[in-house]
Amino acid sequence: MSRIALRSPANWRAYDSWSFWIAALVALLLLLMWMFGRGPNASGCCGAMSASTAASVAAAAPAAAGAAWGTDGKVTLTGVVKDAATKKAIVDNAIAKYGAGNVIDQLTINATASSKVVLTGTVFSADEKKARGDWAASLYGPTVMIDNQIDVQLPPGAAAPSGPKPPAVKVYFETAKTDIDAKDRDAMGVIITYLKANPSAKGVISGFHDPRGNKASNEELAKNRAKTVREVLRSAGIDEARIVMQKPVETTGSGDNAEARRVEVSIE
């Protein structure tokens, strides 16, 4: 049987007085809890999150993990990863490279996390951008796509590099060959130096072939030679987004087959 306690006229004033002070104390405690992140809306309150709430949070989370660098050298890890072990491996790797005080962990866990990682932030050179992209690739593995969106900017107070663009460099190849000798690699040094000093500049690669033989085979050979030249730029630290590959060109009427077996590298 339920019991209902009734107040008598003799004690109702005292009862209401105690009720007021108890209500005021509870309100004060709730305010303090809210200010220190321990109120009813805090993640640690009121038991485990319901399945529907967890699903909503997961849906609102970023679709990919990422890393953002500030010019102060600190890296912020953001987004979602598939499990706690993956998160720990990423954080530990970042700490080992940049130091515990320079890593800000904002990763969350979601079993359906995307296999794409977005890199953002600002660095002072294309070499550093590539280095951080390579680090992310080694960290996440070959099954994860790295979208390197890091901006390259001049250091504060630094003057923009000046100087004329170097002329196009011609790289010559032996018949049916795609490898580059040391002399031609050295000749490309002036292009690489200019690209490193001018982060907004792009390198343009154009392959040529002579008209003899099968045109489709000649074009494929010219493409592969151009790719070999591109690898020289990439291995020197030039980001692939700054390399423009032109369609192979057939040389006609020159009579110089050696000149036809070339790739030209110029500055855009």
Protein backbone atom coordinates (compact mmCIF):
# COMPACT_ATOMS: atom_id res chain seq x y z
CA MET A 1 0.00 0.00 0.00
CA SER A 2 1.26 3.46 -0.82
CA ARG A 3 1.73 5.98 1.93
CA ILE A 4 1.14 9.71 1.52
CA ALA A 5 2.66 11.95 4.20
CA LEU A 6 0.54 14.98 4.94
CA ARG A 7 1.92 18.14 6.58
CA SER A 8 0.06 19.40 9.58
CA PRO A 9 -0.66 23.13 9.96
CA ALA A 10 1.74 23.13 12.91
CA ASN A 11 4.90 22.41 10.94
CA TRP A 12 4.29 23.61 7.36
CA ARG A 13 6.43 26.78 7.69
CA ALA A 14 9.47 24.81 8.92
CA TYR A 15 8.95 22.23 6.17
CA ASP A 16 8.84 24.80 3.41
CA SER A 17 11.93 26.55 4.81
CA TRP A 18 13.96 23.31 4.72
CA SER A 19 12.64 22.56 1.21
CA PHE A 20 13.85 25.95 -0.03
CA TRP A 21 17.38 25.52 1.35
CA ILE A 22 17.65 21.93 0.06
CA ALA A 23 16.51 23.03 -3.41
CA ALA A 24 19.02 25.90 -3.37
CA LEU A 25 21.85 23.53 -2.37
CA VAL A 26 20.94 21.06 -5.12
CA ALA A 27 20.85 23.88 -7.68
CA LEU A 28 24.29 25.08 -6.55
CA LEU A 29 25.75 21.57 -6.81
CA LEU A 30 24.31 21.14 -10.32
CA LEU A 31 25.79 24.48 -11.37
CA LEU A 32 29.23 23.50 -10.06
CA MET A 33 29.01 20.10 -11.77
CA TRP A 34 28.09 21.76 -15.06
CA MET A 35 30.97 24.26 -14.79
CA PHE A 36 33.52 21.47 -14.28
CA GLY A 37 32.15 19.21 -17.01
CA ARG A 38 30.47 16.74 -14.67
CA GLY A 39 26.86 17.70 -15.12
CA PRO A 40 24.03 15.58 -16.52
CA ASN A 41 25.22 16.22 -20.09
CA ALA A 42 28.80 15.12 -19.42
CA SER A 43 29.91 11.89 -21.04
CA GLY A 44 30.72 10.25 -17.72
CA CYS A 45 27.28 10.85 -16.19
CA CYS A 46 24.23 8.67 -15.96
CA GLY A 47 25.71 5.36 -17.07
CA ALA A 48 26.51 4.08 -20.55
CA MET A 49 25.36 5.89 -23.71
CA SER A 50 22.29 4.37 -25.34
CA ALA A 51 22.67 2.58 -28.69
CA SER A 52 20.63 5.23 -30.53
CA THR A 53 22.67 8.08 -29.03
CA ALA A 54 25.95 6.34 -29.89
CA ALA A 55 24.78 5.88 -33.47
CA SER A 56 23.95 9.57 -33.74
CA VAL A 57 27.36 10.58 -32.43
CA ALA A 58 29.10 8.20 -34.82
CA ALA A 59 27.15 9.58 -37.75
CA ALA A 60 28.16 13.13 -36.85
CA ALA A 61 31.86 12.24 -36.57
CA PRO A 62 34.30 13.13 -39.40
CA ALA A 63 34.50 10.51 -42.15
CA ALA A 64 38.26 10.22 -42.03
CA ALA A 65 41.12 10.49 -39.63
CA GLY A 66 43.64 13.22 -40.20
CA ALA A 67 46.58 15.21 -38.91
CA ALA A 68 47.00 18.98 -38.83
CA TRP A 69 50.30 20.75 -38.25
CA GLY A 70 50.68 24.23 -36.89
CA THR A 71 53.64 26.47 -37.55
CA ASP A 72 54.62 25.91 -33.91
CA GLY A 73 55.55 22.33 -34.81
CA LYS A 74 52.65 20.73 -32.96
CA VAL A 75 50.50 18.10 -34.65
CA THR A 76 46.81 17.54 -33.91
CA LEU A 77 45.42 14.08 -34.63
CA THR A 78 41.73 14.30 -35.54
CA GLY A 79 38.86 12.19 -36.85
CA VAL A 80 37.97 8.55 -36.31
CA VAL A 81 39.89 5.27 -36.30
CA LYS A 82 38.58 1.72 -36.33
CA ASP A 83 39.70 0.54 -32.86
CA ALA A 84 41.64 1.39 -29.70
CA ALA A 85 44.74 -0.49 -30.85
CA THR A 86 44.92 1.57 -34.04
CA LYS A 87 44.48 4.79 -32.08
CA LYS A 88 47.25 3.87 -29.64
CA ALA A 89 49.63 2.95 -32.45
CA ILE A 90 49.01 6.28 -34.20
CA VAL A 91 49.45 8.35 -31.04
CA ASP A 92 52.57 6.44 -29.96
CA ASN A 93 54.11 6.86 -33.39
CA ALA A 94 53.36 10.59 -33.40
CA ILE A 95 54.82 11.03 -29.91
CA ALA A 96 57.96 9.13 -30.91
CA LYS A 97 58.47 11.49 -33.86
CA TYR A 98 57.35 14.86 -32.45
CA GLY A 99 57.53 14.46 -28.66
CA ALA A 100 54.70 14.03 -26.14
CA GLY A 101 54.31 17.76 -25.62
CA ASN A 102 53.81 18.36 -29.33
CA VAL A 103 51.01 15.85 -29.99
CA ILE A 104 47.36 16.74 -29.44
CA ASP A 105 45.17 13.63 -29.51
CA GLN A 106 41.62 14.26 -30.70
CA LEU A 107 41.05 10.85 -32.29
CA THR A 108 37.82 8.96 -31.65
CA ILE A 109 36.98 5.32 -32.31
CA ASN A 110 34.45 4.05 -34.84
CA ALA A 111 34.54 0.51 -36.24
CA THR A 112 33.32 1.78 -39.64
CA ALA A 113 36.00 4.46 -39.97
CA SER A 114 36.98 5.52 -43.49
CA SER A 115 40.21 4.31 -45.11
CA LYS A 116 41.14 7.86 -46.13
CA VAL A 117 43.37 10.19 -44.12
CA VAL A 118 43.37 13.94 -44.72
CA LEU A 119 46.49 15.93 -43.85
CA THR A 120 46.06 19.65 -43.19
CA GLY A 121 48.08 22.46 -41.68
CA THR A 122 50.93 24.73 -42.73
CA VAL A 123 54.63 24.09 -43.33
CA PHE A 124 57.44 26.22 -44.69
CA SER A 125 58.63 24.01 -47.57
CA ALA A 126 57.46 21.46 -50.10
CA ASP A 127 60.06 19.05 -48.75
CA GLU A 128 58.46 19.20 -45.31
CA LYS A 129 55.00 18.68 -46.79
CA LYS A 130 56.21 15.57 -48.61
CA ALA A 131 58.03 14.30 -45.53
CA ARG A 132 54.85 14.52 -43.46
CA GLY A 133 52.86 12.84 -46.21
CA ASP A 134 55.41 10.02 -46.32
CA TRP A 135 55.26 9.69 -42.52
CA ALA A 136 51.46 9.43 -42.62
CA ALA A 137 51.66 6.80 -45.36
CA SER A 138 54.09 4.69 -43.31
CA LEU A 139 51.87 5.10 -40.25
CA TYR A 140 48.51 4.13 -41.76
CA GLY A 141 49.79 1.53 -44.23
CA PRO A 142 49.23 0.87 -47.95
CA THR A 143 45.48 0.22 -47.63
CA VAL A 144 44.77 3.81 -46.52
CA MET A 145 44.68 6.70 -49.01
CA ILE A 146 46.61 9.81 -47.92
CA ASP A 147 45.09 13.12 -49.04
CA ASN A 148 47.90 15.62 -48.46
CA GLN A 149 46.26 19.07 -48.24
CA ILE A 150 49.03 20.71 -46.20
CA ASP A 151 49.70 24.31 -47.28
CA VAL A 152 53.24 25.48 -48.03
CA GLN A 153 53.93 29.05 -46.96
CA LEU A 154 57.01 31.18 -46.54
CA PRO A 155 58.27 31.59 -42.97
CA PRO A 156 57.20 34.87 -41.32
CA GLY A 157 59.39 37.71 -42.53
CA ALA A 158 60.99 35.68 -45.33
CA ALA A 159 61.25 37.29 -48.75
CA ALA A 160 59.76 35.56 -51.76
CA PRO A 161 62.46 33.89 -53.88
CA SER A 162 63.30 35.76 -57.05
CA GLY A 163 65.16 35.04 -60.25
CA PRO A 164 64.26 34.07 -63.81
CA LYS A 165 62.86 30.69 -64.69
CA PRO A 166 65.52 28.31 -65.97
CA PRO A 167 65.23 27.14 -69.58
CA ALA A 168 63.76 23.75 -70.36
CA VAL A 169 66.07 20.80 -69.77
CA LYS A 170 66.24 18.01 -72.35
CA VAL A 171 66.76 14.45 -71.14
CA TYR A 172 67.87 11.99 -73.85
CA PHE A 173 67.31 8.24 -73.96
CA GLU A 174 68.81 5.30 -75.76
CA THR A 175 66.71 3.39 -78.28
CA ALA A 176 63.87 1.49 -76.52
CA LYS A 177 65.28 2.49 -73.09
CA THR A 178 63.65 4.41 -70.22
CA ASP A 179 66.51 4.76 -67.73
CA ILE A 180 68.28 8.08 -67.07
CA ASP A 181 72.04 8.36 -66.77
CA ALA A 182 73.87 10.43 -64.14
CA LYS A 183 74.66 13.27 -66.57
CA ASP A 184 70.99 13.92 -67.32
CA ARG A 185 70.04 13.63 -63.65
CA ASP A 186 72.58 16.35 -62.89
CA ALA A 187 71.17 18.49 -65.71
CA MET A 188 67.76 18.40 -64.02
CA GLY A 189 69.26 19.94 -60.88
CA VAL A 190 68.54 23.51 -62.02
CA ILE A 191 64.83 22.65 -62.44
CA ILE A 192 64.67 20.98 -59.03
CA THR A 193 66.42 23.89 -57.32
CA TYR A 194 63.99 26.39 -58.81
CA LEU A 195 60.93 24.32 -57.86
CA LYS A 196 62.15 23.99 -54.28
CA ALA A 197 62.72 27.73 -54.01
CA ASN A 198 59.33 28.57 -55.57
CA PRO A 199 56.57 26.46 -53.96
CA SER A 200 53.89 27.86 -56.29
CA ALA A 201 55.77 26.87 -59.47
CA LYS A 202 55.11 23.64 -61.35
CA GLY A 203 57.30 21.40 -63.43
CA VAL A 204 56.01 20.43 -66.89
CA ILE A 205 57.16 17.15 -68.43
CA SER A 206 56.78 16.55 -72.19
CA GLY A 207 57.76 13.28 -73.87
CA PHE A 208 58.70 13.01 -77.58
CA HIS A 209 59.08 10.13 -80.03
CA ASP A 210 60.00 9.72 -83.69
CA PRO A 211 57.52 8.64 -86.39
CA ARG A 212 59.14 5.29 -87.12
CA GLY A 213 57.40 2.06 -86.16
CA ASN A 214 54.08 1.58 -84.39
CA LYS A 215 52.63 4.88 -83.12
CA ALA A 216 50.88 3.34 -80.11
CA SER A 217 54.10 1.63 -78.97
CA ASN A 218 56.08 4.83 -79.49
CA GLU A 219 53.61 6.83 -77.42
CA GLU A 220 53.72 4.26 -74.61
CA LEU A 221 57.52 4.40 -74.61
CA ALA A 222 57.42 8.21 -74.47
CA LYS A 223 54.99 8.05 -71.53
CA ASN A 224 57.26 5.65 -69.62
CA ARG A 225 60.26 7.89 -70.22
CA ALA A 226 58.27 10.86 -68.92
CA LYS A 227 57.32 8.84 -65.82
CA THR A 228 61.01 8.12 -65.20
CA VAL A 229 61.73 11.85 -65.29
CA ARG A 230 58.79 12.45 -62.94
CA GLU A 231 60.29 9.99 -60.45
CA VAL A 232 63.51 12.03 -60.40
CA LEU A 233 61.51 15.11 -59.38
CA ARG A 234 59.49 13.19 -56.79
CA SER A 235 62.58 11.59 -55.26
CA ALA A 236 64.05 15.10 -54.92
CA GLY A 237 61.05 16.15 -52.80
CA ILE A 238 58.82 17.78 -55.42
CA ASP A 239 55.18 16.97 -54.67
CA GLU A 240 53.40 15.15 -57.48
CA ALA A 241 50.61 17.77 -57.44
CA ARG A 242 53.23 20.23 -58.76
CA ILE A 243 54.21 18.04 -61.72
CA VAL A 244 52.27 18.38 -64.99
CA MET A 245 52.47 15.48 -67.46
CA GLN A 246 51.88 16.46 -71.10
CA LYS A 247 50.62 14.17 -73.86
CA PRO A 248 53.45 12.56 -75.91
CA VAL A 249 54.44 14.50 -79.03
CA GLU A 250 55.53 12.95 -82.33
CA THR A 251 58.44 14.69 -84.04
CA THR A 252 58.21 14.75 -87.83
CA GLY A 253 60.50 16.06 -90.53
CA SER A 254 63.57 16.63 -88.33
CA GLY A 255 65.46 13.54 -89.47
CA ASP A 256 67.20 13.50 -86.09
CA ASN A 257 66.03 10.34 -84.34
CA ALA A 258 68.27 10.95 -81.34
CA GLU A 259 66.57 14.32 -80.78
CA ALA A 260 63.18 12.59 -81.00
CA ARG A 261 64.05 10.25 -78.12
CA ARG A 262 63.85 12.94 -75.46
CA VAL A 263 61.81 14.29 -72.58
CA GLU A 264 61.73 18.02 -71.85
CA VAL A 265 61.29 19.44 -68.35
CA SER A 266 60.25 23.08 -68.03
CA ILE A 267 58.79 25.47 -65.46
CA GLU A 268 55.18 26.59 -65.67
